[in-house]
Protein backbone atom coordinates (compact mmCIF):
# COMPACT_ATOMS: atom_id res chain seq x y z
CA MET A 1 0.16 -0.26 -0.24
CA ALA A 2 2.78 2.21 1.22
CA LYS A 3 4.19 1.90 -2.52
CA LYS A 4 1.39 2.51 -4.02
CA GLU A 5 0.60 5.55 -1.97
CA GLY A 6 4.42 6.75 -3.09
CA TYR A 7 3.62 5.46 -6.78
CA PHE A 8 1.12 8.08 -6.90
CA MET A 9 2.26 10.44 -4.61
CA LYS A 10 5.42 10.79 -7.41
CA LYS A 11 2.81 11.14 -10.38
CA THR A 12 1.43 13.94 -8.77
CA VAL A 13 4.17 15.90 -8.51
CA ALA A 14 5.44 15.16 -11.60
CA VAL A 15 2.04 16.52 -12.27
CA ILE A 16 2.61 19.33 -11.30
CA LEU A 17 6.29 20.12 -12.31
CA ALA A 18 5.22 19.28 -15.36
CA SER A 19 2.10 22.03 -15.60
CA VAL A 20 4.50 24.94 -14.08
CA ALA A 21 6.73 24.14 -16.41
CA GLY A 22 4.76 24.46 -19.72
CA LEU A 23 3.68 27.88 -17.59
CA PHE A 24 6.91 28.90 -17.74
CA MET A 25 7.06 27.83 -21.34
CA PHE A 26 4.04 29.63 -22.46
CA LEU A 27 5.52 32.83 -20.65
CA GLY A 28 8.23 32.93 -22.47
CA MET A 29 7.23 32.04 -25.29
CA ALA A 30 4.17 34.96 -25.02
CA GLY A 31 7.18 37.18 -26.89
CA ALA A 32 6.98 34.72 -30.18
CA ASP A 33 3.59 36.09 -31.28
CA GLU A 34 4.85 39.43 -31.71
CA LEU A 35 3.99 40.29 -34.89
CA LEU A 36 7.22 41.75 -36.74
CA LYS A 37 7.90 43.90 -39.93
CA PRO A 38 10.89 44.19 -42.04
CA TYR A 39 11.91 47.22 -41.70
CA ILE A 40 11.39 50.73 -39.25
CA LEU A 41 11.82 54.14 -39.77
CA ALA A 42 13.77 56.31 -38.14
CA SER A 43 12.71 59.78 -38.94
CA SER A 44 11.30 62.01 -42.09
CA GLY A 45 11.35 65.68 -43.05
CA PRO A 46 13.15 68.10 -44.36
CA GLY A 47 16.64 67.65 -45.93
CA THR A 48 18.68 66.12 -48.31
CA ILE A 49 21.22 62.70 -48.26
CA GLU A 50 24.67 64.90 -49.14
CA LYS A 51 23.49 66.98 -45.82
CA LYS A 52 22.45 63.55 -43.51
CA LYS A 53 24.17 60.28 -44.42
CA ASP A 54 27.26 61.68 -42.34
CA GLU A 55 25.24 62.42 -39.28
CA VAL A 56 23.86 59.33 -39.92
CA LYS A 57 27.07 57.66 -39.47
CA ALA A 58 28.28 59.75 -36.49
CA SER A 59 25.52 58.36 -34.50
CA LEU A 60 26.05 54.74 -35.51
CA VAL A 61 29.76 54.92 -34.78
CA GLN A 62 28.81 56.01 -31.14
CA GLN A 63 26.16 53.19 -30.58
CA GLY A 64 29.07 50.44 -31.80
CA PHE A 65 28.51 50.26 -35.14
CA GLN A 66 31.02 50.01 -38.30
CA THR A 67 30.13 51.47 -41.84
CA VAL A 68 31.33 48.27 -44.36
CA GLY A 69 29.75 49.94 -47.65
CA ASP A 70 27.40 52.83 -49.16
CA TYR A 71 25.76 52.45 -52.01
CA ALA A 72 23.66 54.62 -54.26
CA PRO A 73 21.66 52.95 -56.75
CA TYR A 74 19.50 54.98 -58.18
CA LYS A 75 19.24 58.76 -58.09
CA GLY A 76 17.29 59.99 -54.45
CA ALA A 77 18.46 56.84 -52.70
CA HIS A 78 21.40 55.95 -50.83
CA VAL A 79 22.15 52.97 -48.67
CA ILE A 80 24.62 52.48 -45.43
CA VAL A 81 25.53 49.42 -44.27
CA VAL A 82 27.08 48.18 -40.75
CA SER A 83 28.42 45.78 -39.01
CA SER A 84 29.31 45.41 -35.25
CA ASP A 85 31.51 42.75 -32.87
CA VAL A 86 27.57 41.41 -31.77
CA LEU A 87 26.20 40.94 -35.08
CA ARG A 88 29.19 39.51 -36.18
CA ARG A 89 29.73 37.45 -33.44
CA ASN A 90 26.06 36.26 -33.70
CA ALA A 91 26.34 35.30 -37.09
CA ALA A 92 29.36 33.04 -36.81
CA LYS A 93 27.18 30.88 -34.21
CA SER A 94 24.63 29.49 -37.14
CA GLU A 95 24.33 28.12 -40.40
CA PHE A 96 24.61 30.97 -43.13
CA GLY A 97 24.26 33.32 -40.40
CA ALA A 98 25.98 35.79 -42.14
CA TYR A 99 23.78 37.42 -43.89
CA GLY A 100 22.73 38.41 -40.60
CA ALA A 101 26.12 39.76 -39.68
CA ILE A 102 25.30 43.59 -41.37
CA ALA A 103 22.15 45.96 -41.09
CA ARG A 104 21.24 48.08 -43.80
CA ILE A 105 20.56 51.88 -43.44
CA SER A 106 18.26 54.25 -45.96
CA LEU A 107 17.83 57.23 -46.94
CA THR A 108 15.66 57.85 -49.59
CA GLU A 109 14.20 61.75 -51.10
CA LYS A 110 10.74 62.46 -52.45
CA GLY A 111 9.10 65.43 -52.74
CA GLY A 112 11.72 67.55 -50.61
CA GLU A 113 11.44 65.49 -48.02
CA LEU A 114 13.94 62.66 -46.51
CA GLU A 115 13.34 59.01 -45.30
CA VAL A 116 15.46 57.59 -43.28
CA ALA A 117 14.50 53.56 -42.42
CA TYR A 118 17.02 50.34 -41.86
CA THR A 119 16.42 46.96 -41.42
CA ASN A 120 15.02 45.38 -38.60
CA PRO A 121 17.23 42.92 -36.36
CA LEU A 122 13.98 41.25 -34.38
CA TYR A 123 12.66 39.91 -37.78
CA TYR A 124 15.66 39.56 -39.67
CA ALA A 125 17.37 37.14 -36.72
CA GLN A 126 13.95 35.13 -36.80
CA ALA A 127 14.29 35.14 -41.08
CA TYR A 128 17.61 34.12 -41.10
CA GLN A 129 17.31 31.39 -38.52
CA MET A 130 19.94 33.27 -35.92
CA LYS A 131 20.95 31.82 -32.75
CA ASP A 132 20.44 35.32 -30.96
CA PRO A 133 16.83 37.61 -31.19
CA LEU A 134 18.78 41.11 -31.61
CA ALA A 135 17.19 42.50 -29.33
CA ASP A 136 20.31 44.69 -28.17
CA VAL A 137 21.02 45.85 -31.60
CA ALA A 138 17.76 47.04 -32.31
CA ALA A 139 17.36 49.33 -28.81
CA SER A 140 21.18 50.03 -30.53
CA LEU A 141 19.97 50.91 -33.77
CA GLU A 142 17.12 52.76 -32.23
CA LYS A 143 19.54 54.90 -30.03
CA ALA A 144 21.11 55.77 -32.81
CA LEU A 145 18.84 56.78 -35.64
CA GLY A 146 15.82 56.99 -33.80
CA LYS A 147 12.39 54.72 -34.08
CA LYS A 148 8.83 56.37 -35.64
CA SER A 149 7.45 53.34 -36.44
CA VAL A 150 7.78 49.65 -38.09
CA PHE A 151 6.67 48.97 -41.78
CA GLY A 152 6.96 46.80 -44.38
CA SER A 153 3.74 44.29 -44.08
CA LYS A 154 0.54 45.51 -42.70
CA LYS A 155 -0.16 42.44 -40.78
CA GLY A 156 3.80 41.60 -40.04
CA LEU A 157 5.01 37.99 -38.95
CA ASN A 158 5.67 36.20 -36.20
CA ALA A 159 8.62 34.50 -34.83
CA ALA A 160 7.79 31.46 -35.65
CA LYS A 161 6.50 32.05 -39.21
CA LEU A 162 10.13 33.89 -40.49
CA ARG A 163 11.77 31.00 -39.19
CA SER A 164 10.11 28.67 -41.91
CA TYR A 165 9.32 31.99 -44.15
CA HIS A 166 8.41 30.80 -47.59
CA TYR A 167 5.97 33.26 -50.26
CA MET A 168 3.72 30.50 -50.78
CA VAL A 169 3.61 26.65 -51.44
CA MET A 170 6.23 26.04 -54.15
CA MET A 171 8.14 28.56 -53.03
CA PRO A 172 11.50 28.42 -51.64
CA TYR A 173 13.10 28.70 -47.44
CA PHE A 174 15.79 29.73 -46.32
CA GLU A 175 17.70 26.56 -46.53
CA ASP A 176 16.96 26.49 -50.22
CA GLN A 177 20.52 28.17 -50.52
CA VAL A 178 21.37 28.92 -54.30
CA LEU A 179 24.78 27.29 -55.04
CA LEU A 180 26.44 29.68 -57.23
CA GLY A 181 30.03 28.84 -57.79
CA SER A 182 33.10 26.37 -55.72
CA HIS A 183 36.29 26.37 -55.13
CA SER A 184 39.39 24.51 -53.41
CA SER A 185 39.40 26.91 -50.17
CA GLN A 186 38.12 29.70 -48.82
CA GLU A 187 40.78 31.82 -49.48
CA GLU A 188 40.57 31.33 -53.71
CA ALA A 189 37.01 31.74 -53.21
CA LEU A 190 37.14 35.01 -52.11
CA ARG A 191 39.83 35.85 -54.50
CA ALA A 192 37.85 34.80 -57.60
CA VAL A 193 34.79 36.54 -56.40
CA GLU A 194 36.73 39.85 -55.40
CA ALA A 195 38.39 40.07 -58.84
CA ASN A 196 35.06 39.41 -60.75
CA LEU A 197 33.54 41.71 -59.07
CA ALA A 198 36.90 44.29 -59.34
CA ALA A 199 36.61 43.94 -62.66
CA ARG A 200 32.42 43.94 -63.07
CA LYS A 201 31.45 41.21 -64.39
CA GLY A 202 28.34 41.18 -65.72
CA GLY A 203 27.98 45.06 -64.29
CA ALA A 204 28.36 43.75 -60.65
CA SER A 205 30.24 46.09 -57.76
CA LYS A 206 31.08 45.46 -54.53
CA VAL A 207 29.67 47.70 -52.10
CA PHE A 208 31.01 45.54 -48.84
CA ARG A 209 32.70 42.34 -46.98
CA VAL A 210 32.55 41.27 -43.87
CA ASP A 211 34.09 37.92 -42.19
CA LEU A 212 33.16 36.46 -39.39
CA PRO A 213 35.40 35.89 -36.84
CA ASP A 214 36.81 32.09 -36.08
CA LYS A 215 34.90 31.04 -39.17
CA LYS A 216 35.16 30.59 -42.58
CA GLU A 217 32.68 32.76 -43.68
CA SER A 218 31.77 36.05 -45.38
CA VAL A 219 28.91 37.78 -46.96
CA ILE A 220 29.74 40.68 -49.70
CA GLY A 221 27.04 42.85 -50.66
CA VAL A 222 26.71 43.39 -54.83
CA GLY A 223 25.42 45.84 -56.85
CA ILE A 224 23.89 44.94 -59.38
CA THR A 225 23.27 47.35 -62.31
CA GLU A 226 22.52 45.24 -66.07
CA GLY A 227 19.60 43.00 -67.15
CA GLU A 228 16.06 42.02 -65.59
CA GLY A 229 17.52 41.60 -62.18
CA ALA A 230 19.14 45.24 -62.06
CA ASP A 231 18.53 47.22 -58.60
CA LYS A 232 16.75 50.29 -60.61
CA THR A 233 14.92 48.07 -62.51
CA ILE A 234 13.35 45.96 -60.07
CA MET A 235 12.67 48.68 -57.23
CA PRO A 236 10.11 50.79 -59.71
CA VAL A 237 8.41 48.02 -59.88
CA ILE A 238 7.94 46.89 -56.47
CA ASP A 239 8.47 49.57 -53.72
CA ILE A 240 5.39 51.14 -54.85
CA SER A 241 4.34 51.95 -50.61
CA GLU A 242 5.40 54.35 -48.24
CA PRO A 243 7.42 54.47 -46.73
CA LYS A 244 9.99 53.44 -49.13
CA HIS A 245 11.94 50.00 -48.97
CA THR A 246 15.33 51.25 -50.22
CA ALA A 247 17.44 48.85 -47.59
CA HIS A 248 16.38 45.97 -49.09
CA LEU A 249 19.31 46.61 -51.62
CA PRO A 250 22.24 45.92 -52.14
CA TYR A 251 21.75 41.83 -52.80
CA GLU A 252 24.29 40.20 -51.08
CA LEU A 253 26.20 36.49 -51.41
CA VAL A 254 28.02 34.34 -48.72
CA VAL A 255 31.46 33.32 -49.31
CA SER A 256 31.15 29.58 -46.83
CA SER A 257 33.75 26.86 -46.92
CA GLY A 258 35.17 27.75 -50.64
CA LYS A 259 31.59 27.76 -51.70
CA VAL A 260 29.83 30.80 -53.13
CA TYR A 261 26.20 30.94 -52.30
CA MET A 262 23.36 33.39 -52.27
CA LEU A 263 19.24 33.49 -50.83
CA HIS A 264 17.23 32.57 -54.09
CA GLY A 265 15.49 35.69 -55.51
CA LYS A 266 12.00 34.40 -54.56
CA PHE A 267 13.07 33.82 -50.78
CA ARG A 268 15.30 36.95 -50.81
CA ILE A 269 12.73 39.86 -52.43
CA ALA A 270 9.19 38.40 -51.07
CA LEU A 271 11.22 38.44 -47.68
CA ASP A 272 11.83 42.05 -47.77
CA PHE A 273 8.10 42.83 -49.39
CA PRO A 274 6.11 40.16 -47.74
CA ASP A 275 2.77 41.66 -48.89
CA LEU A 276 3.94 41.53 -52.47
CA THR A 277 1.39 40.75 -54.87
CA MET A 278 1.32 37.91 -56.79
CA GLY A 279 0.42 40.29 -59.83
CA THR A 280 3.40 42.55 -58.94
CA PHE A 281 5.43 39.30 -58.82
CA MET A 282 4.86 38.25 -61.85
CA LYS A 283 6.25 41.73 -63.02
CA ILE A 284 9.34 40.74 -62.50
CA SER A 285 9.04 37.10 -62.63
CA GLY A 286 12.36 37.21 -64.67
CA ALA A 287 14.76 39.23 -61.54
CA PRO A 288 15.40 36.23 -59.89
CA SER A 289 16.88 33.87 -62.23
CA ALA A 290 18.48 37.09 -64.10
CA ILE A 291 20.56 37.87 -60.24
CA GLU A 292 21.27 34.30 -60.04
CA GLU A 293 23.34 35.05 -63.53
CA LYS A 294 24.86 37.87 -62.74
CA LEU A 295 26.27 36.27 -58.96
CA LYS A 296 27.25 33.35 -60.88
CA LEU A 297 29.52 35.31 -62.76
CA VAL A 298 30.88 37.10 -59.91
CA ALA A 299 31.36 34.04 -57.52
CA GLY A 300 33.17 32.21 -60.53
CA GLY A 301 34.51 28.64 -60.04
CA LYS A 302 32.98 25.49 -60.93
């Protein structure tokens, strides 16, 4: 009898502990239901890119960011790309984490006004399946630049949907990396990519490069200037809402252990424009393959 009572006592305790653990798990996951959007509008008002960009860079430096690249894809648009020790360390912890080693800040002129916006670290930390949610990076960017509103999606997406994001059935996921080329070593791959960008193969130009600490992985930003995948060709078609999504640019490739990859165009574009209608997507149906062709020229190798 004592044994039976002891058994039921243990079972009751186990059930209570499981219930408590479940409660804590629920409380811990409460933030997972937060709806995230890809961009943050820092400020808007009178101004010009030329007068504002140095001020923006100085503010970012004060919060621990380093400017790794500048890109002016077309008139009235400028993108500042930054990285930081925190971003690089976190990026090194996950597979293909290099995509999340940078943040993009855009300055867009329209009608005498200037919009300053940036990519939302909370959104991309989930979409790139990173180890850390990057709340500290988000706080630092907000302190440097401000936070007027979040935008880029009417409803937003929660963490679970972002970590398994795809535009629709039969469309690619984050894991569906496109292999652009292979080399015998990381060093050889980086040399080839750098040389091809310097030669502007396919009209591509280098915007930035960030190497991850203690890992054979780098992310390289590429400006695309020719063909159906050109930045100035795509953006007028898909960047039709307000505020502007200029911080979508530039495209990037990742060099990892001697192999060169890119995010599938149908994933990369949809992730940055999650509310894009199928009708609009079809207007740039040739862009994903065109981008891939250009970046294959940059990648070189087999």
